[in-house]
Amino acid sequence: MNRIDNRSKRQTFLLILILGALETITPISIDMYLPAFPKIVNDFNTDINKVALSVSTYFLGFALGEIVYGPLLDRFGRKRPLYIGLGLYVLASIVCGVSNSIDSFLIMRFVQALSGCVASVAAIAMVRDFFPVEKTSSVLSFLFLIVGVSPMLAPTIGGFIVTAFGWRFVFGMLAIIASIMIAVVFFFLPQGHAPDKTISLKPKPIVKGFKQILWEPKFYVFALAGTFSFSGLFVYVAGSPAIFMDGFHVSANEYGGIFALLSIGFIGSSQLNHLLSRKYSNRQIYEVTAIIQLTFSCFYLLGVLNGWYGLWANIIFLFVTLSCAGLGYPNAAAIALSPFSKNAGSASALLGFIQIGIGGLISSGVGMLNMKGSLAVSLIMTISSAVALIILLIGKTKISKTIDNDIKFHNEEKLLFEN
């Protein structure tokens, strides 16, 4: 390990900024091109729901990467997989920008996610490399704020690029950003964890470890319930262009502003958890949040079916559902990971795979249902919220009625970010 205990505050701050920048690769890859949906539709002569599948394919590629990169980063060290993954990401971004059909675009979005995922996985691993245990949670909190700001800025920046240069330049910008990150990693980022040839890359021992984790009731109940609750965020990201730009005909720049506003709900609720966790247990917070989320989702769907809601009503209902996702999931994740100590990393990777994989599949329903406006989003949000609550109610019979020794939220953040 290459601890930073003897480094200056300036060097420490620079290191945190680099890790935070690596963490933003994924959110900007998802959010920066969202304002371009209408123009992509026109160029590919398709519909906006088919373009929305490019978000879902990115989620699926990212989920697979969660499983793949963990062992590779341990076996070969941190920097070599970063070079290879980010290099492939640059190529995939360029091909996305020159794609001439929606099918090739969807394929390359999957490749872009699979390769770029290494940045997020490596950043979290290197927090554990460089910082002592007692500082890990505070560092991860800072990274979370950096990641939280990027969805507010990325659509706005993407909107300006689309307006000024066209949607293909968005992917050129992503390629440039990743190229800069490769140079930063090469010149300024220490190696961290040294290559470990004892790490097995054979499927059998990896699968055996994951199977043992899946058999833990706390894990599968709260991992699944939390994932279905959190899927509202994935559905929103995939469906928001259809709601606002196709349904309410807002401009690309206006859409960026709306996206930033709704991101505040998600970020703010996750920070509110700091206060609530001092008085209430993880289970209490999650259960109440799941009920609120389902209630508002039902009212949202009811209003959409009857044509009651305009632009601002849609924004308000989405603000509440996204706030519930930001508040509920960290608590569900903390409970799911609480039984694990030595294999917490594997449990976190599996949790991330479940979260992103199921969330990506659910969000693909936005494109497959081929419904206008906010109907598909409100319907899928309601169904997924109901499934989350059903899993929670049934699962409680399989685990202890009282969850003792709930960990505090600063530890929850550490475990959540390890996925």
Protein backbone atom coordinates (compact mmCIF):
# COMPACT_ATOMS: atom_id res chain seq x y z
CA MET A 1 0.00 0.00 0.00
CA ASN A 2 1.07 3.50 -0.76
CA ARG A 3 -0.39 5.47 2.15
CA ILE A 4 -0.44 9.25 2.09
CA ASP A 5 0.07 9.84 5.80
CA ASN A 6 3.37 11.66 5.17
CA ARG A 7 2.18 13.64 2.17
CA SER A 8 1.34 17.34 2.29
CA LYS A 9 -2.23 18.60 2.42
CA ARG A 10 -1.80 19.91 -1.11
CA GLN A 11 -0.76 16.49 -2.40
CA THR A 12 -3.63 14.87 -0.54
CA PHE A 13 -6.12 17.33 -1.99
CA LEU A 14 -4.75 16.75 -5.50
CA LEU A 15 -5.07 13.01 -5.06
CA ILE A 16 -8.71 13.33 -3.95
CA LEU A 17 -9.46 15.54 -6.94
CA ILE A 18 -7.96 12.97 -9.30
CA LEU A 19 -10.00 10.15 -7.76
CA GLY A 20 -13.11 12.33 -7.90
CA ALA A 21 -12.46 13.10 -11.57
CA LEU A 22 -12.18 9.37 -12.29
CA GLU A 23 -15.51 8.84 -10.56
CA THR A 24 -17.23 11.40 -12.82
CA ILE A 25 -16.47 9.50 -16.05
CA THR A 26 -19.62 7.42 -15.71
CA PRO A 27 -22.15 10.14 -14.78
CA ILE A 28 -20.98 12.51 -17.52
CA SER A 29 -21.07 9.64 -20.02
CA ILE A 30 -24.71 9.10 -19.14
CA ASP A 31 -25.87 12.70 -18.69
CA MET A 32 -23.93 14.84 -21.16
CA TYR A 33 -25.63 13.50 -24.29
CA LEU A 34 -29.22 13.49 -22.96
CA PRO A 35 -30.06 16.92 -24.49
CA ALA A 36 -29.06 15.49 -27.88
CA PHE A 37 -31.86 12.90 -27.98
CA PRO A 38 -34.10 14.78 -30.47
CA LYS A 39 -31.20 15.37 -32.88
CA ILE A 40 -30.06 11.74 -32.61
CA VAL A 41 -33.63 10.70 -33.42
CA ASN A 42 -33.57 12.82 -36.57
CA ASP A 43 -30.12 11.66 -37.71
CA PHE A 44 -30.89 7.97 -37.25
CA ASN A 45 -34.50 8.27 -38.47
CA THR A 46 -35.80 6.46 -35.40
CA ASP A 47 -37.92 7.36 -32.36
CA ILE A 48 -36.92 8.74 -28.98
CA ASN A 49 -37.80 5.52 -27.15
CA LYS A 50 -35.27 3.59 -29.24
CA VAL A 51 -32.63 6.21 -28.46
CA ALA A 52 -33.51 5.88 -24.76
CA LEU A 53 -32.29 2.28 -24.95
CA SER A 54 -28.76 3.68 -25.27
CA VAL A 55 -29.02 4.67 -21.59
CA SER A 56 -30.10 1.16 -20.62
CA THR A 57 -27.32 -0.50 -22.62
CA TYR A 58 -24.82 1.76 -20.83
CA PHE A 59 -26.18 0.64 -17.46
CA LEU A 60 -25.87 -3.01 -18.46
CA GLY A 61 -22.30 -2.57 -19.66
CA PHE A 62 -21.42 -0.80 -16.44
CA ALA A 63 -22.98 -3.59 -14.37
CA LEU A 64 -20.88 -6.23 -16.11
CA GLY A 65 -17.79 -4.10 -15.58
CA GLU A 66 -18.44 -4.05 -11.83
CA ILE A 67 -17.82 -7.80 -11.74
CA VAL A 68 -14.96 -7.86 -14.24
CA TYR A 69 -12.67 -5.10 -12.99
CA GLY A 70 -12.50 -5.98 -9.30
CA PRO A 71 -10.28 -9.07 -9.75
CA LEU A 72 -8.30 -7.43 -12.59
CA LEU A 73 -7.39 -4.39 -10.47
CA ASP A 74 -6.19 -6.68 -7.68
CA ARG A 75 -4.25 -8.99 -9.98
CA PHE A 76 -2.52 -6.41 -12.22
CA GLY A 77 -2.43 -3.31 -10.00
CA ARG A 78 -4.49 -0.16 -10.47
CA LYS A 79 -2.85 1.75 -13.32
CA ARG A 80 -2.49 -0.86 -16.05
CA PRO A 81 -6.24 -1.72 -16.16
CA LEU A 82 -6.93 2.03 -16.05
CA TYR A 83 -4.81 2.66 -19.14
CA ILE A 84 -6.42 -0.18 -21.07
CA GLY A 85 -9.99 0.56 -19.97
CA LEU A 86 -9.82 4.31 -20.55
CA GLY A 87 -8.03 3.79 -23.86
CA LEU A 88 -10.85 1.55 -25.09
CA TYR A 89 -13.33 4.11 -23.74
CA VAL A 90 -11.74 6.80 -25.93
CA LEU A 91 -12.07 4.59 -29.01
CA ALA A 92 -15.66 3.62 -28.16
CA SER A 93 -16.60 7.29 -27.66
CA ILE A 94 -15.18 8.23 -31.05
CA VAL A 95 -17.08 5.38 -32.74
CA CYS A 96 -20.28 6.48 -30.96
CA GLY A 97 -19.77 9.93 -32.46
CA VAL A 98 -19.38 8.62 -36.01
CA SER A 99 -22.06 5.92 -35.85
CA ASN A 100 -24.42 5.86 -38.82
CA SER A 101 -27.21 3.71 -37.36
CA ILE A 102 -29.02 3.38 -34.07
CA ASP A 103 -28.02 -0.29 -33.75
CA SER A 104 -24.28 0.40 -34.02
CA PHE A 105 -24.74 3.32 -31.63
CA LEU A 106 -26.37 1.05 -29.02
CA ILE A 107 -23.58 -1.52 -29.34
CA MET A 108 -20.86 1.06 -28.89
CA ARG A 109 -22.61 2.57 -25.89
CA PHE A 110 -22.36 -0.87 -24.26
CA VAL A 111 -18.65 -1.05 -25.12
CA GLN A 112 -18.14 2.50 -23.85
CA ALA A 113 -19.69 1.57 -20.49
CA LEU A 114 -17.83 -1.73 -20.18
CA SER A 115 -14.48 -0.05 -20.75
CA GLY A 116 -15.10 3.20 -18.86
CA CYS A 117 -16.40 1.42 -15.77
CA VAL A 118 -12.79 0.83 -14.71
CA ALA A 119 -12.47 4.49 -13.68
CA SER A 120 -15.16 4.23 -11.01
CA VAL A 121 -14.07 0.84 -9.69
CA ALA A 122 -10.40 1.88 -9.54
CA ALA A 123 -11.15 5.19 -7.83
CA ILE A 124 -12.94 3.49 -4.93
CA ALA A 125 -10.25 0.82 -4.65
CA MET A 126 -7.54 3.48 -4.48
CA VAL A 127 -9.29 5.31 -1.65
CA ARG A 128 -8.64 2.19 0.38
CA ASP A 129 -5.06 2.06 -0.94
CA PHE A 130 -4.04 5.58 -0.01
CA PHE A 131 -6.07 6.47 3.08
CA PRO A 132 -6.22 4.90 6.54
CA VAL A 133 -9.51 3.37 7.64
CA GLU A 134 -10.48 6.26 9.90
CA LYS A 135 -10.27 8.72 6.98
CA THR A 136 -11.97 6.58 4.35
CA SER A 137 -15.56 7.67 5.02
CA SER A 138 -14.74 11.39 4.88
CA VAL A 139 -12.85 10.94 1.61
CA LEU A 140 -15.71 8.97 0.09
CA SER A 141 -18.14 11.69 1.21
CA PHE A 142 -16.09 14.25 -0.70
CA LEU A 143 -16.04 12.02 -3.78
CA PHE A 144 -19.81 11.64 -3.51
CA LEU A 145 -20.24 15.42 -3.61
CA ILE A 146 -18.05 15.62 -6.72
CA VAL A 147 -20.06 12.87 -8.40
CA GLY A 148 -23.30 14.53 -7.29
CA VAL A 149 -22.40 17.84 -8.92
CA SER A 150 -21.56 16.29 -12.30
CA PRO A 151 -25.20 15.38 -13.22
CA MET A 152 -26.15 19.01 -12.61
CA LEU A 153 -23.46 20.34 -14.96
CA ALA A 154 -23.19 17.63 -17.62
CA PRO A 155 -26.60 18.08 -19.33
CA THR A 156 -26.15 21.85 -19.36
CA ILE A 157 -22.70 21.58 -20.94
CA GLY A 158 -24.01 18.93 -23.32
CA GLY A 159 -26.88 21.23 -24.31
CA PHE A 160 -24.47 24.01 -25.28
CA ILE A 161 -22.29 21.58 -27.28
CA VAL A 162 -25.31 20.16 -29.10
CA THR A 163 -26.61 23.63 -29.95
CA ALA A 164 -23.25 24.99 -31.09
CA PHE A 165 -21.59 22.00 -32.77
CA GLY A 166 -24.04 19.08 -32.98
CA TRP A 167 -24.56 15.94 -30.93
CA ARG A 168 -21.59 14.02 -32.33
CA PHE A 169 -19.20 16.51 -30.73
CA VAL A 170 -20.49 15.46 -27.29
CA PHE A 171 -18.78 12.10 -27.74
CA GLY A 172 -15.69 13.83 -29.04
CA MET A 173 -15.64 15.81 -25.80
CA LEU A 174 -15.99 12.59 -23.77
CA ALA A 175 -13.02 11.13 -25.67
CA ILE A 176 -10.96 14.26 -24.94
CA ILE A 177 -11.84 14.14 -21.22
CA ALA A 178 -10.84 10.48 -20.97
CA SER A 179 -7.57 11.17 -22.83
CA ILE A 180 -6.75 13.92 -20.35
CA MET A 181 -7.50 11.52 -17.49
CA ILE A 182 -5.08 8.96 -18.92
CA ALA A 183 -2.34 11.61 -18.91
CA VAL A 184 -3.24 12.69 -15.36
CA VAL A 185 -3.13 9.09 -14.15
CA PHE A 186 0.25 8.54 -15.82
CA PHE A 187 1.95 11.68 -14.48
CA PHE A 188 0.27 12.41 -11.14
CA LEU A 189 -1.40 9.30 -9.71
CA PRO A 190 0.68 6.87 -7.62
CA GLN A 191 0.40 3.17 -8.33
CA GLY A 192 -1.38 2.25 -5.14
CA HIS A 193 -2.04 -1.46 -4.78
CA ALA A 194 0.82 -3.47 -6.29
CA PRO A 195 0.05 -6.34 -8.68
CA ASP A 196 -0.80 -9.52 -6.79
CA LYS A 197 -0.26 -12.71 -8.78
CA THR A 198 -1.91 -14.78 -6.06
CA ILE A 199 -5.32 -13.36 -7.02
CA SER A 200 -7.18 -16.00 -8.98
CA LEU A 201 -8.97 -14.98 -12.15
CA LYS A 202 -10.58 -18.39 -12.60
CA PRO A 203 -14.39 -18.27 -12.70
CA LYS A 204 -14.99 -21.08 -10.18
CA PRO A 205 -13.58 -19.46 -6.99
CA ILE A 206 -15.06 -16.08 -7.94
CA VAL A 207 -18.51 -17.56 -8.54
CA LYS A 208 -18.30 -19.61 -5.31
CA GLY A 209 -17.63 -16.47 -3.28
CA PHE A 210 -20.53 -14.61 -4.88
CA LYS A 211 -22.84 -17.57 -4.24
CA GLN A 212 -22.03 -17.54 -0.52
CA ILE A 213 -22.91 -13.85 -0.36
CA LEU A 214 -26.20 -14.35 -2.21
CA TRP A 215 -27.33 -16.96 0.33
CA GLU A 216 -27.26 -14.40 3.16
CA PRO A 217 -30.93 -13.34 3.78
CA LYS A 218 -30.09 -9.78 4.78
CA PHE A 219 -28.17 -9.37 1.56
CA TYR A 220 -30.68 -10.66 -0.96
CA VAL A 221 -33.72 -9.07 0.74
CA PHE A 222 -32.33 -5.57 1.06
CA ALA A 223 -30.19 -5.71 -2.09
CA LEU A 224 -33.24 -6.54 -4.19
CA ALA A 225 -35.66 -4.24 -2.36
CA GLY A 226 -33.19 -1.36 -2.45
CA THR A 227 -32.42 -1.95 -6.12
CA PHE A 228 -36.09 -1.82 -7.15
CA SER A 229 -36.50 1.37 -5.12
CA PHE A 230 -33.39 2.91 -6.67
CA SER A 231 -34.43 1.91 -10.20
CA GLY A 232 -36.61 5.02 -10.29
CA LEU A 233 -33.41 6.98 -10.92
CA PHE A 234 -32.49 4.80 -13.92
CA VAL A 235 -36.02 5.06 -15.31
CA TYR A 236 -35.95 8.83 -14.94
CA VAL A 237 -32.59 9.19 -16.71
CA ALA A 238 -33.78 7.02 -19.61
CA GLY A 239 -37.21 8.64 -19.88
CA SER A 240 -36.67 12.30 -19.00
CA PRO A 241 -35.78 13.40 -22.57
CA ALA A 242 -39.09 11.95 -23.79
CA ILE A 243 -40.99 13.67 -20.97
CA PHE A 244 -39.51 17.13 -21.23
CA MET A 245 -38.12 17.59 -24.75
CA ASP A 246 -40.53 15.38 -26.69
CA GLY A 247 -43.57 15.82 -24.45
CA PHE A 248 -43.29 19.43 -23.25
CA HIS A 249 -40.98 20.63 -26.06
CA VAL A 250 -38.42 22.32 -23.83
CA SER A 251 -35.11 23.29 -25.42
CA ALA A 252 -31.85 21.43 -24.83
CA ASN A 253 -30.64 24.20 -22.51
CA GLU A 254 -33.93 24.26 -20.58
CA TYR A 255 -33.76 20.50 -20.22
CA GLY A 256 -30.29 20.84 -18.72
CA GLY A 257 -31.67 23.27 -16.14
CA ILE A 258 -34.53 20.92 -15.23
CA PHE A 259 -32.10 18.02 -14.92
CA ALA A 260 -29.92 20.08 -12.59
CA LEU A 261 -32.93 21.03 -10.46
CA LEU A 262 -34.03 17.42 -10.08
CA SER A 263 -30.49 16.36 -9.24
CA ILE A 264 -30.69 18.62 -6.20
CA GLY A 265 -33.45 16.40 -4.80
CA PHE A 266 -31.35 13.28 -5.15
CA ILE A 267 -28.22 14.87 -3.69
CA GLY A 268 -30.07 16.71 -0.91
CA SER A 269 -31.93 13.63 0.30
CA SER A 270 -28.73 11.60 0.50
CA GLN A 271 -27.18 14.33 2.64
CA LEU A 272 -30.35 14.46 4.78
CA ASN A 273 -29.61 10.88 5.66
CA HIS A 274 -26.70 12.13 7.78
CA LEU A 275 -29.18 13.76 10.14
CA LEU A 276 -31.84 11.06 10.11
CA SER A 277 -29.39 8.24 10.79
CA ARG A 278 -28.47 9.83 14.11
CA LYS A 279 -31.99 9.18 15.41
CA TYR A 280 -33.39 6.33 13.35
CA SER A 281 -32.10 2.95 12.23
CA ASN A 282 -31.30 2.07 8.64
CA ARG A 283 -34.34 -0.20 8.46
CA GLN A 284 -36.71 2.44 9.80
CA ILE A 285 -35.54 5.05 7.30
CA TYR A 286 -35.74 2.67 4.37
CA GLU A 287 -39.19 1.30 5.24
CA VAL A 288 -40.76 4.74 5.57
CA THR A 289 -39.04 5.94 2.40
CA ALA A 290 -40.29 2.92 0.43
CA ILE A 291 -43.88 3.63 1.50
CA ILE A 292 -43.61 7.32 0.56
CA GLN A 293 -42.06 6.43 -2.79
CA LEU A 294 -44.85 4.01 -3.69
CA THR A 295 -47.55 6.47 -2.58
CA PHE A 296 -46.22 9.32 -4.71
CA SER A 297 -45.59 7.00 -7.67
CA CYS A 298 -49.22 5.87 -7.58
CA PHE A 299 -50.48 9.46 -7.52
CA TYR A 300 -48.07 10.31 -10.34
CA LEU A 301 -49.39 7.46 -12.50
CA LEU A 302 -53.01 8.28 -11.68
CA GLY A 303 -52.56 11.90 -12.71
CA VAL A 304 -50.71 10.99 -15.92
CA LEU A 305 -53.47 8.55 -16.93
CA ASN A 306 -56.08 11.27 -16.45
CA GLY A 307 -54.07 14.08 -18.02
CA TRP A 308 -54.01 16.18 -14.85
CA TYR A 309 -50.37 17.26 -14.82
CA GLY A 310 -48.45 19.92 -16.67
CA LEU A 311 -44.71 20.57 -16.73
CA TRP A 312 -44.27 21.67 -13.13
CA ALA A 313 -46.42 18.89 -11.70
CA ASN A 314 -44.20 16.36 -13.48
CA ILE A 315 -41.12 18.06 -12.06
CA ILE A 316 -42.54 17.98 -8.51
CA PHE A 317 -43.48 14.29 -8.62
CA LEU A 318 -40.13 13.34 -10.12
CA PHE A 319 -38.36 15.45 -7.50
CA VAL A 320 -40.06 13.48 -4.71
CA THR A 321 -39.43 10.05 -6.25
CA LEU A 322 -35.77 10.85 -6.91
CA SER A 323 -35.41 12.15 -3.35
CA CYS A 324 -36.80 8.84 -2.09
CA ALA A 325 -34.26 6.97 -4.22
CA GLY A 326 -31.41 9.04 -2.81
CA LEU A 327 -32.62 8.60 0.76
CA GLY A 328 -33.67 4.96 0.70
CA TYR A 329 -30.95 3.14 -1.20
CA PRO A 330 -27.97 3.96 1.07
CA ASN A 331 -29.86 2.50 4.04
CA ALA A 332 -30.89 -0.64 2.15
CA ALA A 333 -27.31 -1.06 0.92
CA ALA A 334 -25.90 -0.64 4.42
CA ILE A 335 -28.16 -3.40 5.78
CA ALA A 336 -27.38 -5.68 2.83
CA LEU A 337 -23.62 -5.31 3.39
CA SER A 338 -23.64 -5.35 7.19
CA PRO A 339 -23.08 -9.14 7.59
CA PHE A 340 -19.78 -9.02 5.68
CA SER A 341 -16.30 -8.05 6.83
CA LYS A 342 -13.46 -9.85 5.04
CA ASN A 343 -15.48 -10.21 1.83
CA ALA A 344 -17.07 -6.76 1.98
CA GLY A 345 -15.41 -5.84 -1.31
CA SER A 346 -16.90 -8.82 -3.13
CA ALA A 347 -20.27 -8.16 -1.53
CA SER A 348 -20.10 -4.53 -2.64
CA ALA A 349 -19.19 -5.52 -6.20
CA LEU A 350 -22.09 -7.98 -6.30
CA LEU A 351 -24.43 -5.35 -4.89
CA GLY A 352 -23.32 -2.91 -7.58
CA PHE A 353 -23.85 -5.54 -10.26
CA ILE A 354 -27.39 -6.21 -9.01
CA GLN A 355 -28.17 -2.51 -8.67
CA ILE A 356 -26.93 -1.42 -12.09
CA GLY A 357 -27.95 -4.62 -13.89
CA ILE A 358 -31.55 -4.74 -12.69
CA GLY A 359 -31.86 -0.96 -12.88
CA GLY A 360 -30.65 -1.03 -16.47
CA LEU A 361 -33.11 -3.79 -17.43
CA ILE A 362 -36.00 -1.93 -15.79
CA SER A 363 -35.06 1.34 -17.49
CA SER A 364 -35.08 -0.42 -20.87
CA GLY A 365 -38.84 -0.71 -20.43
CA VAL A 366 -39.08 3.02 -21.16
CA GLY A 367 -38.04 2.38 -24.74
CA MET A 368 -39.77 -0.97 -25.16
CA LEU A 369 -43.22 0.20 -23.98
CA ASN A 370 -43.24 2.87 -26.70
CA MET A 371 -45.56 5.16 -24.73
CA LYS A 372 -45.79 8.90 -25.15
CA GLY A 373 -44.66 11.48 -22.61
CA SER A 374 -44.46 10.48 -18.95
CA LEU A 375 -46.76 7.43 -19.08
CA ALA A 376 -43.99 4.83 -19.41
CA VAL A 377 -41.89 6.48 -16.68
CA SER A 378 -44.76 6.81 -14.18
CA LEU A 379 -45.97 3.25 -14.86
CA ILE A 380 -42.55 1.63 -14.43
CA MET A 381 -41.77 3.72 -11.34
CA THR A 382 -45.03 2.59 -9.73
CA ILE A 383 -44.46 -1.08 -10.53
CA SER A 384 -40.83 -1.07 -9.34
CA SER A 385 -41.77 0.77 -6.11
CA ALA A 386 -44.50 -1.79 -5.45
CA VAL A 387 -42.11 -4.69 -6.09
CA ALA A 388 -39.59 -3.14 -3.66
CA LEU A 389 -42.17 -2.92 -0.88
CA ILE A 390 -43.44 -6.47 -1.52
CA ILE A 391 -39.89 -7.86 -1.36
CA LEU A 392 -39.31 -5.97 1.88
CA LEU A 393 -42.53 -7.21 3.54
CA ILE A 394 -42.01 -10.84 2.48
CA GLY A 395 -38.29 -10.78 3.22
CA LYS A 396 -38.78 -9.55 6.76
CA THR A 397 -40.16 -12.97 7.65
CA LYS A 398 -36.85 -14.56 6.64
CA ILE A 399 -34.57 -12.36 8.70
CA SER A 400 -34.46 -11.24 12.28
CA LYS A 401 -37.26 -8.87 13.23
CA THR A 402 -34.78 -6.58 14.88
CA ILE A 403 -31.59 -5.53 13.10
CA ASP A 404 -29.09 -4.87 15.85
CA ASN A 405 -25.96 -2.81 15.59
CA ASP A 406 -27.00 -0.83 12.52
CA ILE A 407 -23.92 0.96 11.30
CA LYS A 408 -23.92 4.75 11.15
CA PHE A 409 -24.27 6.58 7.88
CA HIS A 410 -20.61 7.48 7.47
CA ASN A 411 -19.86 3.75 7.44
CA GLU A 412 -22.81 3.21 5.09
CA GLU A 413 -21.23 5.58 2.61
CA LYS A 414 -17.98 3.63 2.75
CA LEU A 415 -19.74 0.36 2.02
CA LEU A 416 -22.00 1.87 -0.64
CA PHE A 417 -19.09 3.36 -2.57
CA GLU A 418 -17.16 0.09 -2.57
CA ASN A 419 -19.55 -1.32 -5.21
